[in-house]
């Protein structure tokens, strides 16, 4: 039984590290693009995405620290992962000009 708990711990820790890396990547990418590009692509403002990805990165990095008994992440870590994935999958391609133009309206 101890082996199962050890495997679970390391799998959850690896997932936390992956989420933290994605969140930091999303923040760096949100900072990199100019503010007028967000408006030109019809997305929310740069401040909105910097705030959302910044808070998500803070939560993700804080929950990825081992033995941080004061904060374990949990449900907030899942929300942070969703926010960063929405930015990376929807906003980032539009800002970089590789959005694909799926909708022509």
PDB file of N, CA and C in Angstrom:
ATOM      1  N   UNK A   1       0.823  -1.194   0.000  1.00  0.00           N
ATOM      2  CA  UNK A   1       0.000   0.000   0.000  1.00  0.00           C
ATOM      3  C   UNK A   1       0.868   1.259   0.000  1.00  0.00           C
ATOM      4  N   UNK A   2       1.987   1.176   0.661  1.00  0.00           N
ATOM      5  CA  UNK A   2       2.892   2.319   0.699  1.00  0.00           C
ATOM      6  C   UNK A   2       3.412   2.656  -0.706  1.00  0.00           C
ATOM      7  N   UNK A   3       3.624   1.650  -1.519  1.00  0.00           N
ATOM      8  CA  UNK A   3       4.084   1.867  -2.884  1.00  0.00           C
ATOM      9  C   UNK A   3       3.045   2.648  -3.693  1.00  0.00           C
ATOM     10  N   UNK A   4       1.786   2.337  -3.498  1.00  0.00           N
ATOM     11  CA  UNK A   4       0.718   3.045  -4.208  1.00  0.00           C
ATOM     12  C   UNK A   4       0.683   4.517  -3.804  1.00  0.00           C
ATOM     13  N   UNK A   5       0.850   4.819  -2.514  1.00  0.00           N
ATOM     14  CA  UNK A   5       0.868   6.208  -2.057  1.00  0.00           C
ATOM     15  C   UNK A   5       2.084   6.953  -2.597  1.00  0.00           C
ATOM     16  N   UNK A   6       3.207   6.278  -2.681  1.00  0.00           N
ATOM     17  CA  UNK A   6       4.415   6.897  -3.215  1.00  0.00           C
ATOM     18  C   UNK A   6       4.262   7.212  -4.696  1.00  0.00           C
ATOM     19  N   UNK A   7       3.715   6.283  -5.443  1.00  0.00           N
ATOM     20  CA  UNK A   7       3.487   6.514  -6.870  1.00  0.00           C
ATOM     21  C   UNK A   7       2.492   7.658  -7.076  1.00  0.00           C
ATOM     22  N   UNK A   8       1.442   7.679  -6.283  1.00  0.00           N
ATOM     23  CA  UNK A   8       0.459   8.755  -6.388  1.00  0.00           C
ATOM     24  C   UNK A   8       1.092  10.102  -6.070  1.00  0.00           C
ATOM     25  N   UNK A   9       1.918  10.158  -5.046  1.00  0.00           N
ATOM     26  CA  UNK A   9       2.572  11.414  -4.678  1.00  0.00           C
ATOM     27  C   UNK A   9       3.437  11.933  -5.815  1.00  0.00           C
ATOM     28  N   UNK A  10       4.238  11.068  -6.412  1.00  0.00           N
ATOM     29  CA  UNK A  10       5.130  11.523  -7.471  1.00  0.00           C
ATOM     30  C   UNK A  10       4.378  11.879  -8.754  1.00  0.00           C
ATOM     31  N   UNK A  11       3.290  11.196  -9.049  1.00  0.00           N
ATOM     32  CA  UNK A  11       2.472  11.560 -10.206  1.00  0.00           C
ATOM     33  C   UNK A  11       1.804  12.925 -10.009  1.00  0.00           C
ATOM     34  N   UNK A  12       1.282  13.171  -8.829  1.00  0.00           N
ATOM     35  CA  UNK A  12       0.652  14.458  -8.547  1.00  0.00           C
ATOM     36  C   UNK A  12       1.680  15.583  -8.535  1.00  0.00           C
ATOM     37  N   UNK A  13       2.874  15.293  -8.025  1.00  0.00           N
ATOM     38  CA  UNK A  13       3.933  16.299  -8.027  1.00  0.00           C
ATOM     39  C   UNK A  13       4.369  16.623  -9.457  1.00  0.00           C
ATOM     40  N   UNK A  14       4.497  15.609 -10.298  1.00  0.00           N
ATOM     41  CA  UNK A  14       4.863  15.843 -11.693  1.00  0.00           C
ATOM     42  C   UNK A  14       3.788  16.662 -12.408  1.00  0.00           C
ATOM     43  N   UNK A  15       2.533  16.384 -12.136  1.00  0.00           N
ATOM     44  CA  UNK A  15       1.445  17.151 -12.719  1.00  0.00           C
ATOM     45  C   UNK A  15       1.482  18.598 -12.242  1.00  0.00           C
ATOM     46  N   UNK A  16       1.794  18.813 -10.976  1.00  0.00           N
ATOM     47  CA  UNK A  16       1.907  20.170 -10.448  1.00  0.00           C
ATOM     48  C   UNK A  16       3.028  20.941 -11.118  1.00  0.00           C
ATOM     49  N   UNK A  17       4.139  20.282 -11.371  1.00  0.00           N
ATOM     50  CA  UNK A  17       5.259  20.948 -12.043  1.00  0.00           C
ATOM     51  C   UNK A  17       4.891  21.298 -13.483  1.00  0.00           C
ATOM     52  N   UNK A  18       4.205  20.407 -14.176  1.00  0.00           N
ATOM     53  CA  UNK A  18       3.781  20.683 -15.550  1.00  0.00           C
ATOM     54  C   UNK A  18       2.827  21.875 -15.582  1.00  0.00           C
ATOM     55  N   UNK A  19       1.897  21.928 -14.663  1.00  0.00           N
ATOM     56  CA  UNK A  19       0.953  23.042 -14.603  1.00  0.00           C
ATOM     57  C   UNK A  19       1.690  24.340 -14.302  1.00  0.00           C
ATOM     58  N   UNK A  20       2.667  24.306 -13.416  1.00  0.00           N
ATOM     59  CA  UNK A  20       3.435  25.508 -13.084  1.00  0.00           C
ATOM     60  C   UNK A  20       4.225  26.000 -14.294  1.00  0.00           C
ATOM     61  N   UNK A  21       4.816  25.098 -15.038  1.00  0.00           N
ATOM     62  CA  UNK A  21       5.576  25.489 -16.236  1.00  0.00           C
ATOM     63  C   UNK A  21       4.644  26.105 -17.279  1.00  0.00           C
ATOM     64  N   UNK A  22       3.491  25.509 -17.498  1.00  0.00           N
ATOM     65  CA  UNK A  22       2.522  26.073 -18.449  1.00  0.00           C
ATOM     66  C   UNK A  22       2.047  27.456 -18.014  1.00  0.00           C
ATOM     67  N   UNK A  23       1.835  27.625 -16.723  1.00  0.00           N
ATOM     68  CA  UNK A  23       1.355  28.913 -16.217  1.00  0.00           C
ATOM     69  C   UNK A  23       2.408  30.004 -16.377  1.00  0.00           C
ATOM     70  N   UNK A  24       3.651  29.686 -16.087  1.00  0.00           N
ATOM     71  CA  UNK A  24       4.721  30.673 -16.261  1.00  0.00           C
ATOM     72  C   UNK A  24       4.897  31.004 -17.740  1.00  0.00           C
ATOM     73  N   UNK A  25       4.793  30.014 -18.602  1.00  0.00           N
ATOM     74  CA  UNK A  25       4.877  30.233 -20.048  1.00  0.00           C
ATOM     75  C   UNK A  25       3.756  31.167 -20.513  1.00  0.00           C
ATOM     76  N   UNK A  26       2.550  30.977 -19.988  1.00  0.00           N
ATOM     77  CA  UNK A  26       1.423  31.822 -20.375  1.00  0.00           C
ATOM     78  C   UNK A  26       1.648  33.268 -19.933  1.00  0.00           C
ATOM     79  N   UNK A  27       2.196  33.479 -18.756  1.00  0.00           N
ATOM     80  CA  UNK A  27       2.449  34.842 -18.277  1.00  0.00           C
ATOM     81  C   UNK A  27       3.515  35.510 -19.146  1.00  0.00           C
ATOM     82  N   UNK A  28       4.585  34.798 -19.423  1.00  0.00           N
ATOM     83  CA  UNK A  28       5.658  35.367 -20.249  1.00  0.00           C
ATOM     84  C   UNK A  28       5.138  35.714 -21.638  1.00  0.00           C
ATOM     85  N   UNK A  29       4.301  34.870 -22.196  1.00  0.00           N
ATOM     86  CA  UNK A  29       3.748  35.143 -23.513  1.00  0.00           C
ATOM     87  C   UNK A  29       2.770  36.310 -23.478  1.00  0.00           C
ATOM     88  N   UNK A  30       1.996  36.447 -22.415  1.00  0.00           N
ATOM     89  CA  UNK A  30       1.049  37.561 -22.303  1.00  0.00           C
ATOM     90  C   UNK A  30       1.783  38.890 -22.177  1.00  0.00           C
ATOM     91  N   UNK A  31       2.921  38.898 -21.528  1.00  0.00           N
ATOM     92  CA  UNK A  31       3.712  40.120 -21.393  1.00  0.00           C
ATOM     93  C   UNK A  31       4.345  40.505 -22.726  1.00  0.00           C
ATOM     94  N   UNK A  32       4.693  39.538 -23.509  1.00  0.00           N
ATOM     95  CA  UNK A  32       5.447  39.742 -24.741  1.00  0.00           C
ATOM     96  C   UNK A  32       4.656  40.469 -25.836  1.00  0.00           C
ATOM     97  N   UNK A  33       3.362  40.292 -25.897  1.00  0.00           N
ATOM     98  CA  UNK A  33       2.554  40.873 -26.968  1.00  0.00           C
ATOM     99  C   UNK A  33       2.094  42.286 -26.608  1.00  0.00           C
ATOM    100  N   UNK A  34       2.029  43.194 -27.590  1.00  0.00           N
ATOM    101  CA  UNK A  34       1.573  44.560 -27.308  1.00  0.00           C
ATOM    102  C   UNK A  34       0.067  44.608 -27.016  1.00  0.00           C
ATOM    103  N   UNK A  35      -0.333  45.641 -26.286  1.00  0.00           N
ATOM    104  CA  UNK A  35      -1.724  45.749 -25.843  1.00  0.00           C
ATOM    105  C   UNK A  35      -2.695  45.951 -26.998  1.00  0.00           C
ATOM    106  N   UNK A  36      -2.289  46.667 -28.038  1.00  0.00           N
ATOM    107  CA  UNK A  36      -3.213  46.909 -29.143  1.00  0.00           C
ATOM    108  C   UNK A  36      -3.494  45.653 -29.959  1.00  0.00           C
ATOM    109  N   UNK A  37      -2.617  44.683 -29.872  1.00  0.00           N
ATOM    110  CA  UNK A  37      -2.820  43.414 -30.596  1.00  0.00           C
ATOM    111  C   UNK A  37      -4.012  42.643 -30.027  1.00  0.00           C
ATOM    112  N   UNK A  38      -4.197  42.717 -28.704  1.00  0.00           N
ATOM    113  CA  UNK A  38      -5.346  42.054 -28.070  1.00  0.00           C
ATOM    114  C   UNK A  38      -6.656  42.642 -28.605  1.00  0.00           C
ATOM    115  N   UNK A  39      -6.688  43.981 -28.690  1.00  0.00           N
ATOM    116  CA  UNK A  39      -7.893  44.645 -29.182  1.00  0.00           C
ATOM    117  C   UNK A  39      -8.129  44.336 -30.657  1.00  0.00           C
ATOM    118  N   UNK A  40      -7.063  44.305 -31.446  1.00  0.00           N
ATOM    119  CA  UNK A  40      -7.196  44.052 -32.878  1.00  0.00           C
ATOM    120  C   UNK A  40      -7.721  42.649 -33.170  1.00  0.00           C
ATOM    121  N   UNK A  41      -7.421  41.719 -32.322  1.00  0.00           N
ATOM    122  CA  UNK A  41      -7.877  40.334 -32.518  1.00  0.00           C
ATOM    123  C   UNK A  41      -9.220  40.045 -31.851  1.00  0.00           C
ATOM    124  N   UNK A  42      -9.797  41.025 -31.179  1.00  0.00           N
ATOM    125  CA  UNK A  42     -11.099  40.839 -30.563  1.00  0.00           C
ATOM    126  C   UNK A  42     -11.070  40.036 -29.268  1.00  0.00           C
ATOM    127  N   UNK A  43      -9.939  40.065 -28.586  1.00  0.00           N
ATOM    128  CA  UNK A  43      -9.803  39.345 -27.317  1.00  0.00           C
ATOM    129  C   UNK A  43      -9.956  40.320 -26.163  1.00  0.00           C
ATOM    130  N   UNK A  44     -10.000  39.802 -24.951  1.00  0.00           N
ATOM    131  CA  UNK A  44     -10.040  40.669 -23.776  1.00  0.00           C
ATOM    132  C   UNK A  44      -8.747  41.481 -23.707  1.00  0.00           C
ATOM    133  N   UNK A  45      -8.678  42.449 -22.810  1.00  0.00           N
ATOM    134  CA  UNK A  45      -7.535  43.355 -22.753  1.00  0.00           C
ATOM    135  C   UNK A  45      -6.287  42.648 -22.241  1.00  0.00           C
ATOM    136  N   UNK A  46      -5.153  43.299 -22.466  1.00  0.00           N
ATOM    137  CA  UNK A  46      -3.886  42.755 -22.007  1.00  0.00           C
ATOM    138  C   UNK A  46      -3.860  42.698 -20.483  1.00  0.00           C
ATOM    139  N   UNK A  47      -4.401  43.711 -19.831  1.00  0.00           N
ATOM    140  CA  UNK A  47      -4.457  43.717 -18.370  1.00  0.00           C
ATOM    141  C   UNK A  47      -5.262  42.558 -17.810  1.00  0.00           C
ATOM    142  N   UNK A  48      -6.356  42.237 -18.475  1.00  0.00           N
ATOM    143  CA  UNK A  48      -7.174  41.104 -18.042  1.00  0.00           C
ATOM    144  C   UNK A  48      -6.379  39.807 -18.109  1.00  0.00           C
ATOM    145  N   UNK A  49      -5.717  39.564 -19.250  1.00  0.00           N
ATOM    146  CA  UNK A  49      -4.979  38.312 -19.407  1.00  0.00           C
ATOM    147  C   UNK A  49      -3.727  38.276 -18.546  1.00  0.00           C
ATOM    148  N   UNK A  50      -3.092  39.431 -18.331  1.00  0.00           N
ATOM    149  CA  UNK A  50      -1.953  39.452 -17.418  1.00  0.00           C
ATOM    150  C   UNK A  50      -2.393  39.135 -15.994  1.00  0.00           C
ATOM    151  N   UNK A  51      -3.534  39.679 -15.597  1.00  0.00           N
ATOM    152  CA  UNK A  51      -4.045  39.400 -14.259  1.00  0.00           C
ATOM    153  C   UNK A  51      -4.439  37.942 -14.077  1.00  0.00           C
ATOM    154  N   UNK A  52      -5.166  37.417 -15.048  1.00  0.00           N
ATOM    155  CA  UNK A  52      -5.619  36.027 -14.939  1.00  0.00           C
ATOM    156  C   UNK A  52      -4.457  35.039 -14.963  1.00  0.00           C
ATOM    157  N   UNK A  53      -3.553  35.217 -15.929  1.00  0.00           N
ATOM    158  CA  UNK A  53      -2.426  34.289 -16.009  1.00  0.00           C
ATOM    159  C   UNK A  53      -1.434  34.514 -14.881  1.00  0.00           C
ATOM    160  N   UNK A  54      -1.302  35.742 -14.405  1.00  0.00           N
ATOM    161  CA  UNK A  54      -0.397  36.014 -13.288  1.00  0.00           C
ATOM    162  C   UNK A  54      -0.856  35.353 -11.995  1.00  0.00           C
ATOM    163  N   UNK A  55      -2.131  35.490 -11.688  1.00  0.00           N
ATOM    164  CA  UNK A  55      -2.670  34.834 -10.491  1.00  0.00           C
ATOM    165  C   UNK A  55      -2.623  33.313 -10.646  1.00  0.00           C
ATOM    166  N   UNK A  56      -2.891  32.845 -11.843  1.00  0.00           N
ATOM    167  CA  UNK A  56      -2.821  31.404 -12.092  1.00  0.00           C
ATOM    168  C   UNK A  56      -1.406  30.881 -11.918  1.00  0.00           C
ATOM    169  N   UNK A  57      -0.433  31.632 -12.397  1.00  0.00           N
ATOM    170  CA  UNK A  57       0.962  31.214 -12.247  1.00  0.00           C
ATOM    171  C   UNK A  57       1.372  31.230 -10.787  1.00  0.00           C
ATOM    172  N   UNK A  58       0.920  32.222 -10.050  1.00  0.00           N
ATOM    173  CA  UNK A  58       1.237  32.282  -8.616  1.00  0.00           C
ATOM    174  C   UNK A  58       0.680  31.065  -7.888  1.00  0.00           C
ATOM    175  N   UNK A  59      -0.567  30.736  -8.155  1.00  0.00           N
ATOM    176  CA  UNK A  59      -1.193  29.574  -7.508  1.00  0.00           C
ATOM    177  C   UNK A  59      -0.504  28.286  -7.937  1.00  0.00           C
ATOM    178  N   UNK A  60      -0.191  28.166  -9.217  1.00  0.00           N
ATOM    179  CA  UNK A  60       0.430  26.939  -9.722  1.00  0.00           C
ATOM    180  C   UNK A  60       1.831  26.742  -9.157  1.00  0.00           C
ATOM    181  N   UNK A  61       2.620  27.798  -9.117  1.00  0.00           N
ATOM    182  CA  UNK A  61       3.979  27.680  -8.576  1.00  0.00           C
ATOM    183  C   UNK A  61       3.938  27.413  -7.081  1.00  0.00           C
ATOM    184  N   UNK A  62       3.032  28.082  -6.386  1.00  0.00           N
ATOM    185  CA  UNK A  62       2.912  27.871  -4.944  1.00  0.00           C
ATOM    186  C   UNK A  62       2.481  26.450  -4.618  1.00  0.00           C
ATOM    187  N   UNK A  63       1.624  25.883  -5.439  1.00  0.00           N
ATOM    188  CA  UNK A  63       1.162  24.514  -5.178  1.00  0.00           C
ATOM    189  C   UNK A  63       2.170  23.469  -5.644  1.00  0.00           C
ATOM    190  N   UNK A  64       3.137  23.871  -6.479  1.00  0.00           N
ATOM    191  CA  UNK A  64       4.155  22.920  -6.937  1.00  0.00           C
ATOM    192  C   UNK A  64       5.329  22.811  -5.971  1.00  0.00           C
ATOM    193  N   UNK A  65       5.398  23.699  -4.991  1.00  0.00           N
ATOM    194  CA  UNK A  65       6.485  23.639  -4.010  1.00  0.00           C
ATOM    195  C   UNK A  65       6.246  22.430  -3.109  1.00  0.00           C
ATOM    196  N   UNK A  66       7.222  21.526  -3.024  1.00  0.00           N
ATOM    197  CA  UNK A  66       7.018  20.337  -2.181  1.00  0.00           C
ATOM    198  C   UNK A  66       7.023  20.701  -0.696  1.00  0.00           C
ATOM    199  N   UNK A  67       6.242  19.964   0.040  1.00  0.00           N
ATOM    200  CA  UNK A  67       6.126  20.121   1.500  1.00  0.00           C
ATOM    201  C   UNK A  67       5.617  21.492   1.913  1.00  0.00           C
ATOM    202  N   UNK A  68       4.845  22.130   1.090  1.00  0.00           N
ATOM    203  CA  UNK A  68       4.218  23.398   1.455  1.00  0.00           C
ATOM    204  C   UNK A  68       2.885  23.072   2.112  1.00  0.00           C
ATOM    205  N   UNK A  69       2.922  22.819   3.389  1.00  0.00           N
ATOM    206  CA  UNK A  69       1.717  22.366   4.093  1.00  0.00           C
ATOM    207  C   UNK A  69       0.684  23.467   4.236  1.00  0.00           C
ATOM    208  N   UNK A  70       1.093  24.723   4.065  1.00  0.00           N
ATOM    209  CA  UNK A  70       0.138  25.815   4.208  1.00  0.00           C
ATOM    210  C   UNK A  70      -0.776  25.927   2.986  1.00  0.00           C
ATOM    211  N   UNK A  71      -0.302  25.489   1.824  1.00  0.00           N
ATOM    212  CA  UNK A  71      -1.096  25.612   0.605  1.00  0.00           C
ATOM    213  C   UNK A  71      -0.881  24.377  -0.246  1.00  0.00           C
ATOM    214  N   UNK A  72      -1.953  23.667  -0.521  1.00  0.00           N
ATOM    215  CA  UNK A  72      -1.816  22.438  -1.309  1.00  0.00           C
ATOM    216  C   UNK A  72      -2.384  22.564  -2.722  1.00  0.00           C
ATOM    217  N   UNK A  73      -2.989  23.688  -3.044  1.00  0.00           N
ATOM    218  CA  UNK A  73      -3.531  23.862  -4.392  1.00  0.00           C
ATOM    219  C   UNK A  73      -4.910  23.275  -4.514  1.00  0.00           C
ATOM    220  N   UNK A  74      -4.981  22.029  -4.933  1.00  0.00           N
ATOM    221  CA  UNK A  74      -6.261  21.352  -5.071  1.00  0.00           C
ATOM    222  C   UNK A  74      -7.108  21.930  -6.178  1.00  0.00           C
ATOM    223  N   UNK A  75      -8.298  22.389  -5.817  1.00  0.00           N
ATOM    224  CA  UNK A  75      -9.256  22.892  -6.797  1.00  0.00           C
ATOM    225  C   UNK A  75      -8.757  24.169  -7.460  1.00  0.00           C
ATOM    226  N   UNK A  76      -8.052  25.022  -6.708  1.00  0.00           N
ATOM    227  CA  UNK A  76      -7.510  26.241  -7.298  1.00  0.00           C
ATOM    228  C   UNK A  76      -6.464  25.939  -8.362  1.00  0.00           C
ATOM    229  N   UNK A  77      -5.712  24.872  -8.159  1.00  0.00           N
ATOM    230  CA  UNK A  77      -4.722  24.475  -9.148  1.00  0.00           C
ATOM    231  C   UNK A  77      -5.394  24.036 -10.449  1.00  0.00           C
ATOM    232  N   UNK A  78      -6.516  23.373 -10.354  1.00  0.00           N
ATOM    233  CA  UNK A  78      -7.274  22.972 -11.538  1.00  0.00           C
ATOM    234  C   UNK A  78      -7.804  24.190 -12.289  1.00  0.00           C
ATOM    235  N   UNK A  79      -8.293  25.183 -11.564  1.00  0.00           N
ATOM    236  CA  UNK A  79      -8.772  26.414 -12.190  1.00  0.00           C
ATOM    237  C   UNK A  79      -7.617  27.146 -12.864  1.00  0.00           C
ATOM    238  N   UNK A  80      -6.459  27.200 -12.209  1.00  0.00           N
ATOM    239  CA  UNK A  80      -5.284  27.854 -12.782  1.00  0.00           C
ATOM    240  C   UNK A  80      -4.856  27.163 -14.067  1.00  0.00           C
ATOM    241  N   UNK A  81      -4.897  25.853 -14.087  1.00  0.00           N
ATOM    242  CA  UNK A  81      -4.529  25.109 -15.293  1.00  0.00           C
ATOM    243  C   UNK A  81      -5.505  25.403 -16.425  1.00  0.00           C
ATOM    244  N   UNK A  82      -6.782  25.499 -16.126  1.00  0.00           N
ATOM    245  CA  UNK A  82      -7.782  25.795 -17.155  1.00  0.00           C
ATOM    246  C   UNK A  82      -7.583  27.188 -17.742  1.00  0.00           C
ATOM    247  N   UNK A  83      -7.312  28.169 -16.897  1.00  0.00           N
ATOM    248  CA  UNK A  83      -7.103  29.540 -17.376  1.00  0.00           C
ATOM    249  C   UNK A  83      -5.895  29.603 -18.292  1.00  0.00           C
ATOM    250  N   UNK A  84      -4.812  28.984 -17.879  1.00  0.00           N
ATOM    251  CA  UNK A  84      -3.592  29.020 -18.699  1.00  0.00           C
ATOM    252  C   UNK A  84      -3.772  28.262 -20.003  1.00  0.00           C
ATOM    253  N   UNK A  85      -4.477  27.172 -19.968  1.00  0.00           N
ATOM    254  CA  UNK A  85      -4.718  26.417 -21.199  1.00  0.00           C
ATOM    255  C   UNK A  85      -5.633  27.172 -22.154  1.00  0.00           C
ATOM    256  N   UNK A  86      -6.607  27.908 -21.635  1.00  0.00           N
ATOM    257  CA  UNK A  86      -7.458  28.733 -22.500  1.00  0.00           C
ATOM    258  C   UNK A  86      -6.621  29.820 -23.156  1.00  0.00           C
ATOM    259  N   UNK A  87      -5.734  30.450 -22.387  1.00  0.00           N
ATOM    260  CA  UNK A  87      -4.872  31.476 -22.980  1.00  0.00           C
ATOM    261  C   UNK A  87      -3.981  30.872 -24.072  1.00  0.00           C
ATOM    262  N   UNK A  88      -3.334  29.760 -23.761  1.00  0.00           N
ATOM    263  CA  UNK A  88      -2.385  29.175 -24.702  1.00  0.00           C
ATOM    264  C   UNK A  88      -3.058  28.581 -25.937  1.00  0.00           C
ATOM    265  N   UNK A  89      -4.296  28.115 -25.794  1.00  0.00           N
ATOM    266  CA  UNK A  89      -4.980  27.481 -26.921  1.00  0.00           C
ATOM    267  C   UNK A  89      -5.809  28.446 -27.760  1.00  0.00           C
ATOM    268  N   UNK A  90      -6.262  29.557 -27.178  1.00  0.00           N
ATOM    269  CA  UNK A  90      -7.145  30.456 -27.901  1.00  0.00           C
ATOM    270  C   UNK A  90      -6.512  31.818 -28.167  1.00  0.00           C
ATOM    271  N   UNK A  91      -6.006  32.457 -27.137  1.00  0.00           N
ATOM    272  CA  UNK A  91      -5.521  33.824 -27.269  1.00  0.00           C
ATOM    273  C   UNK A  91      -4.148  33.865 -27.936  1.00  0.00           C
ATOM    274  N   UNK A  92      -3.247  33.011 -27.534  1.00  0.00           N
ATOM    275  CA  UNK A  92      -1.882  33.026 -28.066  1.00  0.00           C
ATOM    276  C   UNK A  92      -1.833  32.838 -29.586  1.00  0.00           C
ATOM    277  N   UNK A  93      -2.548  31.856 -30.162  1.00  0.00           N
ATOM    278  CA  UNK A  93      -2.509  31.742 -31.630  1.00  0.00           C
ATOM    279  C   UNK A  93      -3.080  32.967 -32.348  1.00  0.00           C
ATOM    280  N   UNK A  94      -4.096  33.585 -31.768  1.00  0.00           N
ATOM    281  CA  UNK A  94      -4.671  34.773 -32.392  1.00  0.00           C
ATOM    282  C   UNK A  94      -3.694  35.944 -32.348  1.00  0.00           C
ATOM    283  N   UNK A  95      -2.991  36.095 -31.244  1.00  0.00           N
ATOM    284  CA  UNK A  95      -2.056  37.209 -31.117  1.00  0.00           C
ATOM    285  C   UNK A  95      -0.829  37.039 -31.997  1.00  0.00           C
ATOM    286  N   UNK A  96      -0.445  35.817 -32.216  1.00  0.00           N
ATOM    287  CA  UNK A  96       0.753  35.583 -33.018  1.00  0.00           C
ATOM    288  C   UNK A  96       0.460  35.592 -34.514  1.00  0.00           C
ATOM    289  N   UNK A  97      -0.806  35.699 -34.895  1.00  0.00           N
ATOM    290  CA  UNK A  97      -1.153  35.755 -36.306  1.00  0.00           C
ATOM    291  C   UNK A  97      -1.344  34.400 -36.932  1.00  0.00           C
ATOM    292  N   UNK A  98      -1.329  33.352 -36.132  1.00  0.00           N
ATOM    293  CA  UNK A  98      -1.520  31.999 -36.658  1.00  0.00           C
ATOM    294  C   UNK A  98      -2.835  31.413 -36.181  1.00  0.00           C
ATOM    295  N   UNK A  99      -3.850  32.237 -36.126  1.00  0.00           N
ATOM    296  CA  UNK A  99      -5.125  31.799 -35.600  1.00  0.00           C
ATOM    297  C   UNK A  99      -5.885  30.853 -36.510  1.00  0.00           C
ATOM    298  N   UNK A 100      -5.642  30.916 -37.801  1.00  0.00           N
ATOM    299  CA  UNK A 100      -6.296  30.001 -38.721  1.00  0.00           C
ATOM    300  C   UNK A 100      -7.550  30.538 -39.373  1.00  0.00           C
ATOM    301  N   UNK A 101      -8.138  31.640 -38.835  1.00  0.00           N
ATOM    302  CA  UNK A 101      -9.365  32.217 -39.385  1.00  0.00           C
ATOM    303  C   UNK A 101     -10.455  31.178 -39.564  1.00  0.00           C
ATOM    304  N   UNK A 102     -10.797  30.515 -38.507  1.00  0.00           N
ATOM    305  CA  UNK A 102     -11.835  29.493 -38.589  1.00  0.00           C
ATOM    306  C   UNK A 102     -13.189  30.094 -38.827  1.00  0.00           C
ATOM    307  N   UNK A 103     -13.430  31.260 -38.261  1.00  0.00           N
ATOM    308  CA  UNK A 103     -14.734  31.904 -38.390  1.00  0.00           C
ATOM    309  C   UNK A 103     -14.570  33.170 -39.224  1.00  0.00           C
ATOM    310  N   UNK A 104     -15.379  33.287 -40.262  1.00  0.00           N
ATOM    311  CA  UNK A 104     -15.245  34.425 -41.171  1.00  0.00           C
ATOM    312  C   UNK A 104     -16.342  35.456 -40.952  1.00  0.00           C
ATOM    313  N   UNK A 105     -16.708  35.712 -39.737  1.00  0.00           N
ATOM    314  CA  UNK A 105     -17.702  36.764 -39.491  1.00  0.00           C
ATOM    315  C   UNK A 105     -17.139  37.817 -38.617  1.00  0.00           C
TER     316      UNK A 105
END
